[in-house]
């Protein structure tokens, strides 16, 4: 089961803040929640800085890339590689039945 831009409460500098991860994936068998963020404009410096800040906040809230956060990236010169996306899904699906 997945939700698009489902609200996620995080703590930033001691204050509650709402993020909207691109996708929230919920394993209906285990209840495990995985967040998927896609950084689609990494060649834009401000966007990239904001994205790095967001990833740091995830980490500060105990949400780690490769465990509970999936991240994909692209730029104008390096578009999203669907083969890479399939590999990520396969790894997570094999790891703990994500799908």
PDB file of N, CA and C in Angstrom:
ATOM      1  N   UNK A   1       0.856  -1.168   0.000  1.00  0.00           N
ATOM      2  CA  UNK A   1       0.000   0.000   0.000  1.00  0.00           C
ATOM      3  C   UNK A   1       0.901   1.230   0.000  1.00  0.00           C
ATOM      4  N   UNK A   2       0.567   2.236  -0.807  1.00  0.00           N
ATOM      5  CA  UNK A   2       1.357   3.465  -0.775  1.00  0.00           C
ATOM      6  C   UNK A   2       0.439   4.676  -0.786  1.00  0.00           C
ATOM      7  N   UNK A   3       0.968   5.749  -0.255  1.00  0.00           N
ATOM      8  CA  UNK A   3       0.263   7.033  -0.232  1.00  0.00           C
ATOM      9  C   UNK A   3       1.191   8.077  -0.828  1.00  0.00           C
ATOM     10  N   UNK A   4       0.646   8.969  -1.611  1.00  0.00           N
ATOM     11  CA  UNK A   4       1.419  10.040  -2.226  1.00  0.00           C
ATOM     12  C   UNK A   4       1.357  11.275  -1.335  1.00  0.00           C
ATOM     13  N   UNK A   5       2.520  11.805  -0.987  1.00  0.00           N
ATOM     14  CA  UNK A   5       2.662  13.010  -0.169  1.00  0.00           C
ATOM     15  C   UNK A   5       1.846  12.960   1.130  1.00  0.00           C
ATOM     16  N   UNK A   6       1.871  11.824   1.790  1.00  0.00           N
ATOM     17  CA  UNK A   6       1.215  11.671   3.089  1.00  0.00           C
ATOM     18  C   UNK A   6       1.995  12.476   4.137  1.00  0.00           C
ATOM     19  N   UNK A   7       1.326  13.260   4.960  1.00  0.00           N
ATOM     20  CA  UNK A   7       2.025  14.070   5.962  1.00  0.00           C
ATOM     21  C   UNK A   7       2.839  13.208   6.931  1.00  0.00           C
ATOM     22  N   UNK A   8       4.030  13.717   7.264  1.00  0.00           N
ATOM     23  CA  UNK A   8       4.933  13.076   8.209  1.00  0.00           C
ATOM     24  C   UNK A   8       5.415  14.129   9.187  1.00  0.00           C
ATOM     25  N   UNK A   9       5.182  13.902  10.458  1.00  0.00           N
ATOM     26  CA  UNK A   9       5.624  14.850  11.478  1.00  0.00           C
ATOM     27  C   UNK A   9       7.069  14.547  11.860  1.00  0.00           C
ATOM     28  N   UNK A  10       7.914  15.571  11.786  1.00  0.00           N
ATOM     29  CA  UNK A  10       9.316  15.461  12.187  1.00  0.00           C
ATOM     30  C   UNK A  10       9.626  16.593  13.155  1.00  0.00           C
ATOM     31  N   UNK A  11      10.747  16.455  13.827  1.00  0.00           N
ATOM     32  CA  UNK A  11      11.208  17.507  14.731  1.00  0.00           C
ATOM     33  C   UNK A  11      12.381  18.221  14.071  1.00  0.00           C
ATOM     34  N   UNK A  12      12.269  19.540  13.950  1.00  0.00           N
ATOM     35  CA  UNK A  12      13.318  20.368  13.359  1.00  0.00           C
ATOM     36  C   UNK A  12      13.659  21.458  14.369  1.00  0.00           C
ATOM     37  N   UNK A  13      14.898  21.468  14.812  1.00  0.00           N
ATOM     38  CA  UNK A  13      15.333  22.464  15.802  1.00  0.00           C
ATOM     39  C   UNK A  13      14.403  22.531  17.013  1.00  0.00           C
ATOM     40  N   UNK A  14      13.959  21.352  17.461  1.00  0.00           N
ATOM     41  CA  UNK A  14      13.114  21.282  18.647  1.00  0.00           C
ATOM     42  C   UNK A  14      11.643  21.569  18.427  1.00  0.00           C
ATOM     43  N   UNK A  15      11.248  21.779  17.184  1.00  0.00           N
ATOM     44  CA  UNK A  15       9.853  22.101  16.870  1.00  0.00           C
ATOM     45  C   UNK A  15       9.273  21.090  15.893  1.00  0.00           C
ATOM     46  N   UNK A  16       7.991  20.802  16.051  1.00  0.00           N
ATOM     47  CA  UNK A  16       7.306  19.902  15.121  1.00  0.00           C
ATOM     48  C   UNK A  16       7.146  20.587  13.769  1.00  0.00           C
ATOM     49  N   UNK A  17       7.351  19.808  12.727  1.00  0.00           N
ATOM     50  CA  UNK A  17       7.169  20.303  11.369  1.00  0.00           C
ATOM     51  C   UNK A  17       6.581  19.168  10.540  1.00  0.00           C
ATOM     52  N   UNK A  18       5.809  19.513   9.549  1.00  0.00           N
ATOM     53  CA  UNK A  18       5.207  18.509   8.674  1.00  0.00           C
ATOM     54  C   UNK A  18       5.972  18.458   7.353  1.00  0.00           C
ATOM     55  N   UNK A  19       6.444  17.262   7.007  1.00  0.00           N
ATOM     56  CA  UNK A  19       7.029  16.990   5.696  1.00  0.00           C
ATOM     57  C   UNK A  19       5.997  16.204   4.898  1.00  0.00           C
ATOM     58  N   UNK A  20       6.169  16.197   3.593  1.00  0.00           N
ATOM     59  CA  UNK A  20       5.319  15.400   2.709  1.00  0.00           C
ATOM     60  C   UNK A  20       6.220  14.562   1.809  1.00  0.00           C
ATOM     61  N   UNK A  21       6.679  13.394   2.305  1.00  0.00           N
ATOM     62  CA  UNK A  21       7.513  12.544   1.457  1.00  0.00           C
ATOM     63  C   UNK A  21       6.783  12.238   0.153  1.00  0.00           C
ATOM     64  N   UNK A  22       7.553  12.067  -0.908  1.00  0.00           N
ATOM     65  CA  UNK A  22       6.918  11.774  -2.200  1.00  0.00           C
ATOM     66  C   UNK A  22       5.992  10.569  -2.082  1.00  0.00           C
ATOM     67  N   UNK A  23       6.491   9.501  -1.473  1.00  0.00           N
ATOM     68  CA  UNK A  23       5.661   8.304  -1.278  1.00  0.00           C
ATOM     69  C   UNK A  23       5.894   7.758   0.115  1.00  0.00           C
ATOM     70  N   UNK A  24       4.823   7.302   0.740  1.00  0.00           N
ATOM     71  CA  UNK A  24       4.884   6.552   1.984  1.00  0.00           C
ATOM     72  C   UNK A  24       4.383   5.159   1.652  1.00  0.00           C
ATOM     73  N   UNK A  25       5.238   4.172   1.859  1.00  0.00           N
ATOM     74  CA  UNK A  25       4.907   2.789   1.526  1.00  0.00           C
ATOM     75  C   UNK A  25       4.679   2.043   2.833  1.00  0.00           C
ATOM     76  N   UNK A  26       3.530   1.409   2.933  1.00  0.00           N
ATOM     77  CA  UNK A  26       3.170   0.686   4.152  1.00  0.00           C
ATOM     78  C   UNK A  26       3.025  -0.788   3.809  1.00  0.00           C
ATOM     79  N   UNK A  27       3.833  -1.615   4.455  1.00  0.00           N
ATOM     80  CA  UNK A  27       3.725  -3.058   4.267  1.00  0.00           C
ATOM     81  C   UNK A  27       2.497  -3.527   5.031  1.00  0.00           C
ATOM     82  N   UNK A  28       1.493  -4.002   4.319  1.00  0.00           N
ATOM     83  CA  UNK A  28       0.228  -4.373   4.964  1.00  0.00           C
ATOM     84  C   UNK A  28       0.366  -5.624   5.826  1.00  0.00           C
ATOM     85  N   UNK A  29       1.435  -6.385   5.639  1.00  0.00           N
ATOM     86  CA  UNK A  29       1.636  -7.601   6.447  1.00  0.00           C
ATOM     87  C   UNK A  29       2.381  -7.309   7.745  1.00  0.00           C
ATOM     88  N   UNK A  30       3.359  -6.400   7.676  1.00  0.00           N
ATOM     89  CA  UNK A  30       4.201  -6.143   8.851  1.00  0.00           C
ATOM     90  C   UNK A  30       3.950  -4.780   9.490  1.00  0.00           C
ATOM     91  N   UNK A  31       3.324  -3.865   8.757  1.00  0.00           N
ATOM     92  CA  UNK A  31       3.121  -2.513   9.251  1.00  0.00           C
ATOM     93  C   UNK A  31       4.333  -1.614   9.067  1.00  0.00           C
ATOM     94  N   UNK A  32       5.424  -2.162   8.522  1.00  0.00           N
ATOM     95  CA  UNK A  32       6.640  -1.365   8.323  1.00  0.00           C
ATOM     96  C   UNK A  32       6.363  -0.232   7.339  1.00  0.00           C
ATOM     97  N   UNK A  33       6.851   0.955   7.694  1.00  0.00           N
ATOM     98  CA  UNK A  33       6.665   2.138   6.864  1.00  0.00           C
ATOM     99  C   UNK A  33       8.006   2.519   6.247  1.00  0.00           C
ATOM    100  N   UNK A  34       8.002   2.747   4.946  1.00  0.00           N
ATOM    101  CA  UNK A  34       9.184   3.189   4.211  1.00  0.00           C
ATOM    102  C   UNK A  34       8.807   4.444   3.447  1.00  0.00           C
ATOM    103  N   UNK A  35       9.695   5.433   3.493  1.00  0.00           N
ATOM    104  CA  UNK A  35       9.465   6.692   2.788  1.00  0.00           C
ATOM    105  C   UNK A  35      10.347   6.721   1.552  1.00  0.00           C
ATOM    106  N   UNK A  36       9.781   7.192   0.437  1.00  0.00           N
ATOM    107  CA  UNK A  36      10.531   7.284  -0.816  1.00  0.00           C
ATOM    108  C   UNK A  36      10.559   8.742  -1.238  1.00  0.00           C
ATOM    109  N   UNK A  37      11.760   9.273  -1.338  1.00  0.00           N
ATOM    110  CA  UNK A  37      11.955  10.642  -1.805  1.00  0.00           C
ATOM    111  C   UNK A  37      12.661  10.605  -3.148  1.00  0.00           C
ATOM    112  N   UNK A  38      12.149  11.378  -4.100  1.00  0.00           N
ATOM    113  CA  UNK A  38      12.793  11.492  -5.403  1.00  0.00           C
ATOM    114  C   UNK A  38      13.280  12.917  -5.584  1.00  0.00           C
ATOM    115  N   UNK A  39      14.586  13.053  -5.745  1.00  0.00           N
ATOM    116  CA  UNK A  39      15.209  14.361  -5.968  1.00  0.00           C
ATOM    117  C   UNK A  39      15.324  14.563  -7.475  1.00  0.00           C
ATOM    118  N   UNK A  40      14.362  15.235  -8.039  1.00  0.00           N
ATOM    119  CA  UNK A  40      14.258  15.327  -9.486  1.00  0.00           C
ATOM    120  C   UNK A  40      14.938  16.511 -10.139  1.00  0.00           C
ATOM    121  N   UNK A  41      15.495  17.418  -9.359  1.00  0.00           N
ATOM    122  CA  UNK A  41      16.110  18.630  -9.931  1.00  0.00           C
ATOM    123  C   UNK A  41      17.461  18.909  -9.294  1.00  0.00           C
ATOM    124  N   UNK A  42      18.290  17.906  -9.188  1.00  0.00           N
ATOM    125  CA  UNK A  42      19.547  18.055  -8.462  1.00  0.00           C
ATOM    126  C   UNK A  42      20.544  18.988  -9.140  1.00  0.00           C
ATOM    127  N   UNK A  43      20.284  19.407 -10.369  1.00  0.00           N
ATOM    128  CA  UNK A  43      21.180  20.373 -11.004  1.00  0.00           C
ATOM    129  C   UNK A  43      20.816  21.815 -10.638  1.00  0.00           C
ATOM    130  N   UNK A  44      19.755  22.009  -9.878  1.00  0.00           N
ATOM    131  CA  UNK A  44      19.379  23.315  -9.347  1.00  0.00           C
ATOM    132  C   UNK A  44      19.979  23.415  -7.945  1.00  0.00           C
ATOM    133  N   UNK A  45      20.906  24.348  -7.745  1.00  0.00           N
ATOM    134  CA  UNK A  45      21.661  24.436  -6.487  1.00  0.00           C
ATOM    135  C   UNK A  45      20.761  24.623  -5.272  1.00  0.00           C
ATOM    136  N   UNK A  46      19.765  25.476  -5.350  1.00  0.00           N
ATOM    137  CA  UNK A  46      18.875  25.713  -4.203  1.00  0.00           C
ATOM    138  C   UNK A  46      18.065  24.459  -3.885  1.00  0.00           C
ATOM    139  N   UNK A  47      17.552  23.813  -4.931  1.00  0.00           N
ATOM    140  CA  UNK A  47      16.798  22.565  -4.749  1.00  0.00           C
ATOM    141  C   UNK A  47      17.685  21.520  -4.090  1.00  0.00           C
ATOM    142  N   UNK A  48      18.910  21.366  -4.584  1.00  0.00           N
ATOM    143  CA  UNK A  48      19.842  20.369  -4.044  1.00  0.00           C
ATOM    144  C   UNK A  48      20.151  20.660  -2.575  1.00  0.00           C
ATOM    145  N   UNK A  49      20.392  21.927  -2.233  1.00  0.00           N
ATOM    146  CA  UNK A  49      20.654  22.289  -0.840  1.00  0.00           C
ATOM    147  C   UNK A  49      19.453  21.962   0.045  1.00  0.00           C
ATOM    148  N   UNK A  50      18.266  22.286  -0.415  1.00  0.00           N
ATOM    149  CA  UNK A  50      17.053  21.988   0.348  1.00  0.00           C
ATOM    150  C   UNK A  50      16.864  20.482   0.523  1.00  0.00           C
ATOM    151  N   UNK A  51      17.187  19.732  -0.526  1.00  0.00           N
ATOM    152  CA  UNK A  51      17.029  18.280  -0.449  1.00  0.00           C
ATOM    153  C   UNK A  51      18.016  17.680   0.553  1.00  0.00           C
ATOM    154  N   UNK A  52      19.254  18.141   0.519  1.00  0.00           N
ATOM    155  CA  UNK A  52      20.253  17.659   1.481  1.00  0.00           C
ATOM    156  C   UNK A  52      19.806  17.999   2.902  1.00  0.00           C
ATOM    157  N   UNK A  53      19.313  19.190   3.099  1.00  0.00           N
ATOM    158  CA  UNK A  53      18.796  19.592   4.416  1.00  0.00           C
ATOM    159  C   UNK A  53      17.677  18.640   4.850  1.00  0.00           C
ATOM    160  N   UNK A  54      16.768  18.322   3.932  1.00  0.00           N
ATOM    161  CA  UNK A  54      15.654  17.423   4.239  1.00  0.00           C
ATOM    162  C   UNK A  54      16.164  16.034   4.614  1.00  0.00           C
ATOM    163  N   UNK A  55      17.151  15.529   3.894  1.00  0.00           N
ATOM    164  CA  UNK A  55      17.699  14.208   4.199  1.00  0.00           C
ATOM    165  C   UNK A  55      18.383  14.211   5.567  1.00  0.00           C
ATOM    166  N   UNK A  56      19.049  15.308   5.907  1.00  0.00           N
ATOM    167  CA  UNK A  56      19.669  15.423   7.229  1.00  0.00           C
ATOM    168  C   UNK A  56      18.614  15.420   8.338  1.00  0.00           C
ATOM    169  N   UNK A  57      17.493  16.064   8.088  1.00  0.00           N
ATOM    170  CA  UNK A  57      16.401  16.079   9.073  1.00  0.00           C
ATOM    171  C   UNK A  57      15.815  14.685   9.234  1.00  0.00           C
ATOM    172  N   UNK A  58      15.665  13.956   8.147  1.00  0.00           N
ATOM    173  CA  UNK A  58      15.212  12.563   8.260  1.00  0.00           C
ATOM    174  C   UNK A  58      16.150  11.795   9.189  1.00  0.00           C
ATOM    175  N   UNK A  59      17.457  11.910   8.942  1.00  0.00           N
ATOM    176  CA  UNK A  59      18.439  11.200   9.763  1.00  0.00           C
ATOM    177  C   UNK A  59      18.325  11.614  11.222  1.00  0.00           C
ATOM    178  N   UNK A  60      18.205  12.910  11.476  1.00  0.00           N
ATOM    179  CA  UNK A  60      18.075  13.410  12.847  1.00  0.00           C
ATOM    180  C   UNK A  60      16.821  12.881  13.541  1.00  0.00           C
ATOM    181  N   UNK A  61      15.840  12.457  12.754  1.00  0.00           N
ATOM    182  CA  UNK A  61      14.600  11.907  13.297  1.00  0.00           C
ATOM    183  C   UNK A  61      14.602  10.375  13.296  1.00  0.00           C
ATOM    184  N   UNK A  62      15.772   9.779  13.094  1.00  0.00           N
ATOM    185  CA  UNK A  62      15.892   8.322  13.148  1.00  0.00           C
ATOM    186  C   UNK A  62      15.412   7.601  11.909  1.00  0.00           C
ATOM    187  N   UNK A  63      15.262   8.317  10.810  1.00  0.00           N
ATOM    188  CA  UNK A  63      14.827   7.730   9.543  1.00  0.00           C
ATOM    189  C   UNK A  63      16.038   7.684   8.611  1.00  0.00           C
ATOM    190  N   UNK A  64      16.583   6.489   8.407  1.00  0.00           N
ATOM    191  CA  UNK A  64      17.859   6.338   7.727  1.00  0.00           C
ATOM    192  C   UNK A  64      17.709   5.821   6.302  1.00  0.00           C
ATOM    193  N   UNK A  65      18.494   6.413   5.395  1.00  0.00           N
ATOM    194  CA  UNK A  65      18.523   5.945   4.015  1.00  0.00           C
ATOM    195  C   UNK A  65      18.991   4.495   4.002  1.00  0.00           C
ATOM    196  N   UNK A  66      18.316   3.688   3.219  1.00  0.00           N
ATOM    197  CA  UNK A  66      18.655   2.281   3.126  1.00  0.00           C
ATOM    198  C   UNK A  66      17.922   1.420   4.139  1.00  0.00           C
ATOM    199  N   UNK A  67      17.289   2.054   5.113  1.00  0.00           N
ATOM    200  CA  UNK A  67      16.491   1.326   6.104  1.00  0.00           C
ATOM    201  C   UNK A  67      15.021   1.711   5.988  1.00  0.00           C
ATOM    202  N   UNK A  68      14.730   2.975   6.279  1.00  0.00           N
ATOM    203  CA  UNK A  68      13.338   3.421   6.217  1.00  0.00           C
ATOM    204  C   UNK A  68      13.122   4.531   5.194  1.00  0.00           C
ATOM    205  N   UNK A  69      14.190   4.906   4.496  1.00  0.00           N
ATOM    206  CA  UNK A  69      14.082   5.943   3.468  1.00  0.00           C
ATOM    207  C   UNK A  69      14.779   5.463   2.198  1.00  0.00           C
ATOM    208  N   UNK A  70      14.059   5.515   1.108  1.00  0.00           N
ATOM    209  CA  UNK A  70      14.592   5.241  -0.225  1.00  0.00           C
ATOM    210  C   UNK A  70      14.758   6.589  -0.906  1.00  0.00           C
ATOM    211  N   UNK A  71      15.880   6.786  -1.597  1.00  0.00           N
ATOM    212  CA  UNK A  71      16.117   8.039  -2.299  1.00  0.00           C
ATOM    213  C   UNK A  71      16.536   7.741  -3.729  1.00  0.00           C
ATOM    214  N   UNK A  72      15.915   8.435  -4.668  1.00  0.00           N
ATOM    215  CA  UNK A  72      16.336   8.389  -6.062  1.00  0.00           C
ATOM    216  C   UNK A  72      16.633   9.819  -6.500  1.00  0.00           C
ATOM    217  N   UNK A  73      17.512   9.942  -7.487  1.00  0.00           N
ATOM    218  CA  UNK A  73      17.978  11.255  -7.925  1.00  0.00           C
ATOM    219  C   UNK A  73      17.932  11.354  -9.442  1.00  0.00           C
ATOM    220  N   UNK A  74      17.890  12.601  -9.916  1.00  0.00           N
ATOM    221  CA  UNK A  74      18.103  12.837 -11.336  1.00  0.00           C
ATOM    222  C   UNK A  74      18.450  14.299 -11.581  1.00  0.00           C
ATOM    223  N   UNK A  75      19.080  14.538 -12.729  1.00  0.00           N
ATOM    224  CA  UNK A  75      19.369  15.881 -13.216  1.00  0.00           C
ATOM    225  C   UNK A  75      18.918  15.938 -14.666  1.00  0.00           C
ATOM    226  N   UNK A  76      19.045  17.099 -15.275  1.00  0.00           N
ATOM    227  CA  UNK A  76      18.674  17.228 -16.686  1.00  0.00           C
ATOM    228  C   UNK A  76      19.543  16.327 -17.562  1.00  0.00           C
ATOM    229  N   UNK A  77      20.828  16.209 -17.209  1.00  0.00           N
ATOM    230  CA  UNK A  77      21.746  15.382 -18.004  1.00  0.00           C
ATOM    231  C   UNK A  77      21.721  13.914 -17.619  1.00  0.00           C
ATOM    232  N   UNK A  78      21.232  13.602 -16.441  1.00  0.00           N
ATOM    233  CA  UNK A  78      21.178  12.219 -15.947  1.00  0.00           C
ATOM    234  C   UNK A  78      19.762  11.925 -15.465  1.00  0.00           C
ATOM    235  N   UNK A  79      18.853  11.612 -16.392  1.00  0.00           N
ATOM    236  CA  UNK A  79      17.463  11.362 -15.992  1.00  0.00           C
ATOM    237  C   UNK A  79      17.345  10.090 -15.150  1.00  0.00           C
ATOM    238  N   UNK A  80      16.212   9.955 -14.496  1.00  0.00           N
ATOM    239  CA  UNK A  80      15.939   8.797 -13.658  1.00  0.00           C
ATOM    240  C   UNK A  80      16.143   7.520 -14.456  1.00  0.00           C
ATOM    241  N   UNK A  81      16.894   6.618 -13.884  1.00  0.00           N
ATOM    242  CA  UNK A  81      17.193   5.339 -14.514  1.00  0.00           C
ATOM    243  C   UNK A  81      16.191   4.311 -14.002  1.00  0.00           C
ATOM    244  N   UNK A  82      15.249   3.928 -14.832  1.00  0.00           N
ATOM    245  CA  UNK A  82      14.195   3.011 -14.397  1.00  0.00           C
ATOM    246  C   UNK A  82      14.778   1.667 -13.980  1.00  0.00           C
ATOM    247  N   UNK A  83      15.877   1.253 -14.605  1.00  0.00           N
ATOM    248  CA  UNK A  83      16.539   0.009 -14.202  1.00  0.00           C
ATOM    249  C   UNK A  83      17.021   0.126 -12.755  1.00  0.00           C
ATOM    250  N   UNK A  84      17.591   1.269 -12.416  1.00  0.00           N
ATOM    251  CA  UNK A  84      18.029   1.506 -11.043  1.00  0.00           C
ATOM    252  C   UNK A  84      16.867   1.493 -10.065  1.00  0.00           C
ATOM    253  N   UNK A  85      15.750   2.081 -10.460  1.00  0.00           N
ATOM    254  CA  UNK A  85      14.554   2.082  -9.608  1.00  0.00           C
ATOM    255  C   UNK A  85      14.091   0.653  -9.363  1.00  0.00           C
ATOM    256  N   UNK A  86      14.062  -0.146 -10.407  1.00  0.00           N
ATOM    257  CA  UNK A  86      13.648  -1.549 -10.257  1.00  0.00           C
ATOM    258  C   UNK A  86      14.593  -2.307  -9.332  1.00  0.00           C
ATOM    259  N   UNK A  87      15.881  -1.998  -9.398  1.00  0.00           N
ATOM    260  CA  UNK A  87      16.852  -2.648  -8.513  1.00  0.00           C
ATOM    261  C   UNK A  87      16.595  -2.271  -7.052  1.00  0.00           C
ATOM    262  N   UNK A  88      16.284  -1.001  -6.826  1.00  0.00           N
ATOM    263  CA  UNK A  88      15.984  -0.552  -5.456  1.00  0.00           C
ATOM    264  C   UNK A  88      14.747  -1.269  -4.930  1.00  0.00           C
ATOM    265  N   UNK A  89      13.707  -1.330  -5.732  1.00  0.00           N
ATOM    266  CA  UNK A  89      12.473  -2.008  -5.319  1.00  0.00           C
ATOM    267  C   UNK A  89      12.751  -3.480  -5.031  1.00  0.00           C
ATOM    268  N   UNK A  90      13.519  -4.117  -5.907  1.00  0.00           N
ATOM    269  CA  UNK A  90      13.840  -5.534  -5.722  1.00  0.00           C
ATOM    270  C   UNK A  90      14.618  -5.746  -4.426  1.00  0.00           C
ATOM    271  N   UNK A  91      15.575  -4.878  -4.155  1.00  0.00           N
ATOM    272  CA  UNK A  91      16.366  -5.003  -2.928  1.00  0.00           C
ATOM    273  C   UNK A  91      15.481  -4.859  -1.699  1.00  0.00           C
ATOM    274  N   UNK A  92      14.617  -3.849  -1.678  1.00  0.00           N
ATOM    275  CA  UNK A  92      13.761  -3.650  -0.533  1.00  0.00           C
ATOM    276  C   UNK A  92      12.707  -4.749  -0.425  1.00  0.00           C
ATOM    277  N   UNK A  93      12.196  -5.200  -1.557  1.00  0.00           N
ATOM    278  CA  UNK A  93      11.195  -6.270  -1.531  1.00  0.00           C
ATOM    279  C   UNK A  93      11.811  -7.551  -0.991  1.00  0.00           C
ATOM    280  N   UNK A  94      13.032  -7.840  -1.391  1.00  0.00           N
ATOM    281  CA  UNK A  94      13.710  -9.037  -0.906  1.00  0.00           C
ATOM    282  C   UNK A  94      14.142  -8.898   0.533  1.00  0.00           C
ATOM    283  N   UNK A  95      14.403  -7.649   0.953  1.00  0.00           N
ATOM    284  CA  UNK A  95      14.917  -7.401   2.296  1.00  0.00           C
ATOM    285  C   UNK A  95      13.870  -7.663   3.362  1.00  0.00           C
ATOM    286  N   UNK A  96      12.676  -7.138   3.149  1.00  0.00           N
ATOM    287  CA  UNK A  96      11.640  -7.336   4.173  1.00  0.00           C
ATOM    288  C   UNK A  96      10.236  -7.248   3.582  1.00  0.00           C
ATOM    289  N   UNK A  97      10.102  -7.752   2.366  1.00  0.00           N
ATOM    290  CA  UNK A  97       8.788  -7.824   1.729  1.00  0.00           C
ATOM    291  C   UNK A  97       8.111  -6.461   1.669  1.00  0.00           C
ATOM    292  N   UNK A  98       8.833  -5.474   1.101  1.00  0.00           N
ATOM    293  CA  UNK A  98       8.318  -4.102   0.992  1.00  0.00           C
ATOM    294  C   UNK A  98       7.037  -4.043   0.185  1.00  0.00           C
ATOM    295  N   UNK A  99       7.008  -4.766  -0.937  1.00  0.00           N
ATOM    296  CA  UNK A  99       5.857  -4.657  -1.849  1.00  0.00           C
ATOM    297  C   UNK A  99       4.727  -5.595  -1.474  1.00  0.00           C
TER     298      UNK A  99
END
